Amino acid sequence: MEEMSVSFSVFSTSAPDINVVEWTAEANTCLRYLLNSPEDVFLDVEVFSGVELVASMVPGETVFGFVENNILDRGGMILYGPVEDWEDVSDVPLFCFSISEIPRPNEDLLVVLCLALLISAAKFMGSTEIIDYHGIVNACSDQTSIDDLMNLRIDKANSLDDALKKFYRKLPLGSCPNDQ
């Protein structure tokens, strides 16, 4: 049976170069908040263009790969650039930052880490929502506000592994908020 993969996206009319160190630091802050864990969370993210490490993600430059080396030792792909077909309907450019090819077996903790990375990218781009076409976060809508995700903050857990699992279980995972 083939393993399903998911992707999450952020759209914005602003597309700054994203410094990898600053992006990771913001993702660390976000993950610490979500997991209610001030000290034990430390993401170590490396971003690649081909085989070269990059210090900054420039929109439209290429597809990037990333690996988180401290907690899970795996990663996914980042697409960051203009939305091509948007130019046909608007004079204002639209940019997309997408984290994709995230394998999703049951309780895959990489999903939680990718949400923190995406929330960090959204802050750089001035976006307030993430797009999830797979219904992982909300089956009722493709859009989920970052504030709603931040409100999923968990109570203190005994370990980082427990905190990640507890947060993952708190995600709606394809259900409508009104269904619960």
Foldseek 3Di string as FASTA:
>chain_A
DDFDKWKKKFKFLFADWAFPVQLQVQLQVLLCLQLVNPPDDHWDKWKDDVNDTDRIHHAPPGKIWMATCPPPGGAFIWHWYWDVCVVVPDPRIMIMIMTIPHGDDPLDLNVVSVLSSNVSSCVVRVTFWMATPQQQQAQVHRIDGVVVLSVLRDDHDPDPVRSSSSSSVSRPGNYHPVVD
